[in-house]
Every structure is written in structure tokens, then in C-alpha cells.
Amino acid sequence: MLRCTPRRCAGASETVVAEPIVDANTIISWLNETEVEIGSQSDYLTQLDAAIGDGDHGTNMNRGFTAVGRALTEQAEQAPPGRLLILAGKTLISTVGGASGPLWGTALRRAGRALGDAETFDGEQLAGALDAAIAGVVELGAATPGDKTMIDALTPAAQALHGALDAGEPIGQALTAAVSAAKAGAESTVPLQARKGRASYLGERSIGHLDPGAASSVIILTALQQVVDREQ
């Protein structure tokens, strides 16, 4: 489905730009895509975590998003996007141990609450939901950029998303910018010494390794970008 965004259609002299309506079907497709991609890269994430953590990040994320896919399938009727994200968040919290379940569960629940019960949402509302998700992660994990965590990928992604939307880019292109920023942010964790989580116990030995939480964040954001791109 396509619509004209208010920012681009406000004036008669401005170019009319159509972009996809982001709705419950988009969220379901995104979470299903995430389940597939996390599953296919589970061993890679586990290898990253084995170097500086407990070695279970890939396994935990795979189990969690498999459960999310099952929960979406078992719904009696389709809920609005925000409610779907809240369901996904609750499912992750209840099925995933370690830090990744509570962190991503909180992120998705906060994002869902930010979207509320609206049937559709636009790029600016998506950016607001991402902000809410990051705020939830920061509140729970007390991490800041530079601590070698998922925040190092998510924060620049949110900044890039806002910047692209403010420049008038459609949501698909804005998400492409966000993914690029997330990838760069994840790579920036390699030379860092971990200051949060299990990796922080290693001190200087954590230097030289990609943070697994940042890596899985890139996978999740990329899945969203790919789904929205296909809908354009």
C-alpha cells in the first residue's frame, strides 16, 4: 500500500512522494524475517559471544525469535503494530535467559507502547519507537555509547534515521541510512574495552572483538529495512 507523506505533500509546488504504509503486516514480516536471519546467523553470534561472553548469545536469540514467530502464528486475530511488538517483547522476556531476552524484550515492549493502538505508522513514529526502545535498554542495562554493547549500534542508527527523515527521505531510504550507521557502530566496538556485561569482566582482553549484542542489533535492523524495501 502507498500513501503520500504530509511532509512532502503539504505544498502544491512540492514533489508528491508516495511511500508504503507501515502496518501490522509489516511488523509480522519483519519479526518473521528476523527469526530466519537470527537462525541462519546463530552460530556466528555464538562464536562472537564465546570470545568475550558466555557463548550463548546466538542460541538464546534464536530460541527467543523462534518463540516470537510461534506466538504470532498462534494469535486468534491480528493486532495493531504496537500490540504485536509488545507481544514479541513479552515472549522474549519469558523465553530467553541471560541479558539478551530482557534487553530486547524491553526494547520491543517500549517501542510497542510508543506506537500505541494505531493501525499504521510513518517514519517519524518509527523513529520515536526506536528512541523509546533505546531508552528502555539504557534504563535496564545502564549502558552508554562506547561501553561496547548493543547501544553502540542502536544509537547511531536512531540518529541516522532521524537525520534522513528530517532531510525528507522516504522511510525505506531512511532505514538504509540507519542500517549503515548501525553497521559502522557495531564495527566501532572492536577496539573498545567492554564496560558493561559479561565482557567487562575480561578487562583489556575484551579489546579486539566485535560485540555480539551490537552484531545481532544490526541483523534485526537489517531485517526491518529489507522488509520495508520490498514493500515499496
Protein backbone atom coordinates (compact mmCIF):
# COMPACT_ATOMS: atom_id res chain seq x y z
CA MET A 1 0.00 0.00 0.00
CA LEU A 2 1.19 3.52 -0.76
CA ARG A 3 0.42 6.89 0.63
CA CYS A 4 1.62 10.46 0.37
CA THR A 5 3.56 11.70 3.40
CA PRO A 6 2.35 15.01 4.90
CA ARG A 7 5.87 16.49 4.91
CA ARG A 8 6.21 16.04 1.16
CA CYS A 9 2.63 16.85 0.14
CA ALA A 10 1.97 19.96 2.20
CA GLY A 11 2.59 22.46 -0.62
CA ALA A 12 1.25 22.37 -4.16
CA SER A 13 4.67 23.21 -5.55
CA GLU A 14 6.36 20.35 -3.73
CA THR A 15 7.02 16.96 -5.22
CA VAL A 16 4.49 14.32 -4.22
CA VAL A 17 6.28 11.27 -2.84
CA ALA A 18 4.49 8.01 -2.12
CA GLU A 19 5.78 5.57 0.43
CA PRO A 20 4.48 2.35 1.96
CA ILE A 21 2.07 2.32 4.84
CA VAL A 22 3.80 0.53 7.69
CA ASP A 23 1.24 -1.65 9.41
CA ALA A 24 0.74 -4.91 11.25
CA ASN A 25 1.66 -6.96 8.19
CA THR A 26 5.00 -5.13 8.05
CA ILE A 27 5.71 -5.92 11.70
CA ILE A 28 4.81 -9.58 11.24
CA SER A 29 7.00 -9.81 8.15
CA TRP A 30 9.85 -8.08 9.99
CA LEU A 31 9.71 -10.38 13.01
CA ASN A 32 9.48 -13.43 10.75
CA GLU A 33 12.45 -12.18 8.73
CA THR A 34 14.34 -11.60 11.96
CA GLU A 35 13.60 -15.15 13.07
CA VAL A 36 15.04 -16.50 9.81
CA GLU A 37 18.13 -14.27 9.83
CA ILE A 38 18.92 -14.81 13.51
CA GLY A 39 18.53 -18.53 12.95
CA SER A 40 20.88 -18.53 9.97
CA GLN A 41 23.50 -16.48 11.83
CA SER A 42 23.10 -18.12 15.23
CA ASP A 43 26.47 -19.89 15.05
CA TYR A 44 28.21 -16.65 14.07
CA LEU A 45 26.67 -14.79 17.02
CA THR A 46 27.60 -17.62 19.35
CA GLN A 47 31.20 -17.51 18.12
CA LEU A 48 31.35 -13.78 18.81
CA ASP A 49 29.94 -14.32 22.29
CA ALA A 50 32.30 -17.22 23.01
CA ALA A 51 35.22 -14.82 22.70
CA ILE A 52 34.02 -12.31 25.31
CA GLY A 53 30.87 -13.68 26.92
CA ASP A 54 29.07 -16.86 27.90
CA GLY A 55 28.95 -18.24 24.37
CA ASP A 56 25.15 -18.45 24.28
CA HIS A 57 24.04 -15.26 22.53
CA GLY A 58 23.23 -16.91 19.21
CA THR A 59 21.43 -19.80 20.86
CA ASN A 60 19.43 -17.51 23.11
CA MET A 61 18.43 -15.11 20.34
CA ASN A 62 17.48 -17.98 18.06
CA ARG A 63 15.31 -19.56 20.73
CA GLY A 64 13.69 -16.23 21.52
CA PHE A 65 12.76 -15.21 18.00
CA THR A 66 11.59 -18.73 17.18
CA ALA A 67 9.20 -18.35 20.13
CA VAL A 68 8.16 -14.93 18.82
CA GLY A 69 7.30 -16.44 15.44
CA ARG A 70 5.25 -19.13 17.15
CA ALA A 71 3.43 -16.57 19.30
CA LEU A 72 2.50 -14.51 16.23
CA THR A 73 1.18 -17.62 14.47
CA GLU A 74 -0.94 -18.61 17.46
CA GLN A 75 -2.77 -15.27 17.65
CA ALA A 76 -6.53 -15.55 17.34
CA GLU A 77 -6.73 -12.31 15.34
CA GLN A 78 -4.32 -9.72 14.04
CA ALA A 79 -3.46 -6.94 16.47
CA PRO A 80 -2.18 -3.44 15.63
CA PRO A 81 1.58 -2.96 15.24
CA GLY A 82 2.18 -1.70 18.76
CA ARG A 83 0.42 -4.68 20.31
CA LEU A 84 2.40 -7.07 18.16
CA LEU A 85 5.66 -5.56 19.38
CA ILE A 86 4.50 -5.80 22.99
CA LEU A 87 3.64 -9.46 22.45
CA ALA A 88 7.06 -10.07 20.90
CA GLY A 89 8.76 -8.33 23.80
CA LYS A 90 6.89 -10.32 26.41
CA THR A 91 7.71 -13.53 24.57
CA LEU A 92 11.44 -12.74 24.51
CA ILE A 93 11.48 -11.95 28.22
CA SER A 94 9.70 -15.20 29.07
CA THR A 95 11.77 -17.48 26.84
CA VAL A 96 15.33 -16.09 26.72
CA GLY A 97 17.83 -16.22 29.54
CA GLY A 98 20.88 -14.06 30.01
CA ALA A 99 20.86 -10.40 29.10
CA SER A 100 19.52 -10.54 25.55
CA GLY A 101 15.97 -11.57 26.45
CA PRO A 102 15.29 -8.82 28.98
CA LEU A 103 17.08 -6.20 26.88
CA TRP A 104 15.40 -6.91 23.56
CA GLY A 105 12.14 -7.75 25.30
CA THR A 106 12.16 -4.36 26.98
CA ALA A 107 13.14 -2.66 23.73
CA LEU A 108 10.23 -4.15 21.78
CA ARG A 109 7.74 -3.53 24.56
CA ARG A 110 8.77 0.12 24.83
CA ALA A 111 8.60 0.51 21.05
CA GLY A 112 5.13 -1.05 21.05
CA ARG A 113 3.89 1.27 23.75
CA ALA A 114 5.24 4.25 21.82
CA LEU A 115 3.19 3.20 18.78
CA GLY A 116 0.06 2.62 20.85
CA ASP A 117 -3.02 1.17 19.16
CA ALA A 118 -2.65 2.92 15.79
CA GLU A 119 -3.24 0.67 12.79
CA THR A 120 -0.40 2.26 10.79
CA PHE A 121 2.62 4.43 11.46
CA ASP A 122 5.02 6.60 9.48
CA GLY A 123 8.75 7.15 9.54
CA GLU A 124 8.69 9.74 12.30
CA GLN A 125 6.62 7.47 14.52
CA LEU A 126 9.04 4.62 13.78
CA ALA A 127 11.94 6.84 14.81
CA GLY A 128 10.10 7.69 18.01
CA ALA A 129 9.53 4.00 18.68
CA LEU A 130 13.24 3.31 18.18
CA ASP A 131 14.05 6.11 20.60
CA ALA A 132 11.72 4.55 23.16
CA ALA A 133 13.32 1.14 22.61
CA ILE A 134 16.80 2.55 23.18
CA ALA A 135 15.65 4.40 26.30
CA GLY A 136 14.35 1.10 27.69
CA VAL A 137 17.64 -0.65 27.00
CA VAL A 138 19.62 2.18 28.60
CA GLU A 139 17.35 2.18 31.64
CA LEU A 140 17.71 -1.56 32.11
CA GLY A 141 21.38 -2.01 31.23
CA ALA A 142 22.77 1.41 32.15
CA ALA A 143 24.93 1.37 29.02
CA THR A 144 26.05 4.39 27.02
CA PRO A 145 27.80 4.67 23.65
CA GLY A 146 31.36 3.47 23.98
CA ASP A 147 30.59 0.76 26.53
CA LYS A 148 30.84 -1.98 23.85
CA THR A 149 27.18 -3.03 23.82
CA MET A 150 24.15 -3.08 21.51
CA ILE A 151 23.78 0.65 22.26
CA ASP A 152 26.83 1.31 20.09
CA ALA A 153 24.84 0.06 17.11
CA LEU A 154 21.36 1.30 18.02
CA THR A 155 22.23 4.89 18.95
CA PRO A 156 23.88 5.86 15.64
CA ALA A 157 21.09 4.01 13.81
CA ALA A 158 18.49 6.18 15.51
CA GLN A 159 20.47 9.33 14.80
CA ALA A 160 20.79 8.41 11.13
CA LEU A 161 17.10 7.56 10.90
CA HIS A 162 16.08 10.92 12.35
CA GLY A 163 18.55 12.75 10.12
CA ALA A 164 17.34 11.09 6.93
CA LEU A 165 13.68 11.64 7.77
CA ASP A 166 14.34 15.28 8.63
CA ALA A 167 16.02 15.64 5.23
CA GLY A 168 12.81 14.43 3.59
CA GLU A 169 13.92 10.90 2.72
CA PRO A 170 11.20 8.22 2.50
CA ILE A 171 11.17 5.60 5.21
CA GLY A 172 12.91 2.95 3.11
CA GLN A 173 15.90 5.14 2.36
CA ALA A 174 15.97 6.39 5.94
CA LEU A 175 16.16 2.81 7.18
CA THR A 176 19.00 2.12 4.75
CA ALA A 177 20.90 5.00 6.32
CA ALA A 178 20.08 3.66 9.77
CA VAL A 179 21.41 0.20 8.92
CA SER A 180 24.64 1.65 7.53
CA ALA A 181 25.11 3.63 10.74
CA ALA A 182 24.35 0.56 12.85
CA LYS A 183 26.97 -1.49 10.98
CA ALA A 184 29.57 1.24 11.49
CA GLY A 185 28.60 1.47 15.15
CA ALA A 186 28.93 -2.27 15.62
CA GLU A 187 32.36 -2.26 13.99
CA SER A 188 33.40 0.55 16.31
CA THR A 189 33.08 -1.85 19.24
CA VAL A 190 36.06 -3.94 18.08
CA PRO A 191 38.80 -1.68 19.54
CA LEU A 192 36.79 -0.86 22.66
CA GLN A 193 37.24 -2.31 26.12
CA ALA A 194 33.92 -3.56 27.45
CA ARG A 195 32.49 -1.65 30.39
CA LYS A 196 29.18 -3.47 30.75
CA GLY A 197 28.00 -7.05 30.85
CA ARG A 198 29.91 -10.30 31.00
CA ALA A 199 32.59 -8.98 28.65
CA SER A 200 33.55 -6.27 31.15
CA TYR A 201 34.99 -8.97 33.42
CA LEU A 202 37.71 -9.58 30.83
CA GLY A 203 39.08 -6.06 31.04
CA GLU A 204 41.63 -5.40 28.29
CA ARG A 205 41.13 -8.90 26.91
CA SER A 206 37.77 -7.75 25.53
CA ILE A 207 39.60 -5.41 23.13
CA GLY A 208 39.76 -6.61 19.53
CA HIS A 209 36.40 -8.39 19.49
CA LEU A 210 33.09 -7.40 17.90
CA ASP A 211 30.32 -7.10 20.47
CA PRO A 212 27.70 -9.83 19.82
CA GLY A 213 24.81 -7.65 21.01
CA ALA A 214 25.77 -4.95 18.54
CA ALA A 215 26.07 -7.58 15.80
CA SER A 216 22.60 -9.01 16.46
CA SER A 217 21.18 -5.47 16.55
CA VAL A 218 22.46 -4.96 13.01
CA ILE A 219 20.77 -8.20 11.93
CA ILE A 220 17.44 -7.10 13.41
CA LEU A 221 17.55 -3.61 11.88
CA THR A 222 18.61 -5.02 8.52
CA ALA A 223 15.62 -7.37 8.56
CA LEU A 224 13.31 -4.38 9.06
CA GLN A 225 14.98 -2.42 6.26
CA GLN A 226 14.69 -5.35 3.86
CA VAL A 227 11.01 -5.88 4.62
CA VAL A 228 10.14 -2.20 4.16
CA ASP A 229 12.25 -2.08 0.98
CA ARG A 230 10.27 -4.99 -0.51
CA GLU A 231 7.01 -3.22 0.23
CA GLN A 232 7.96 -0.08 -1.69
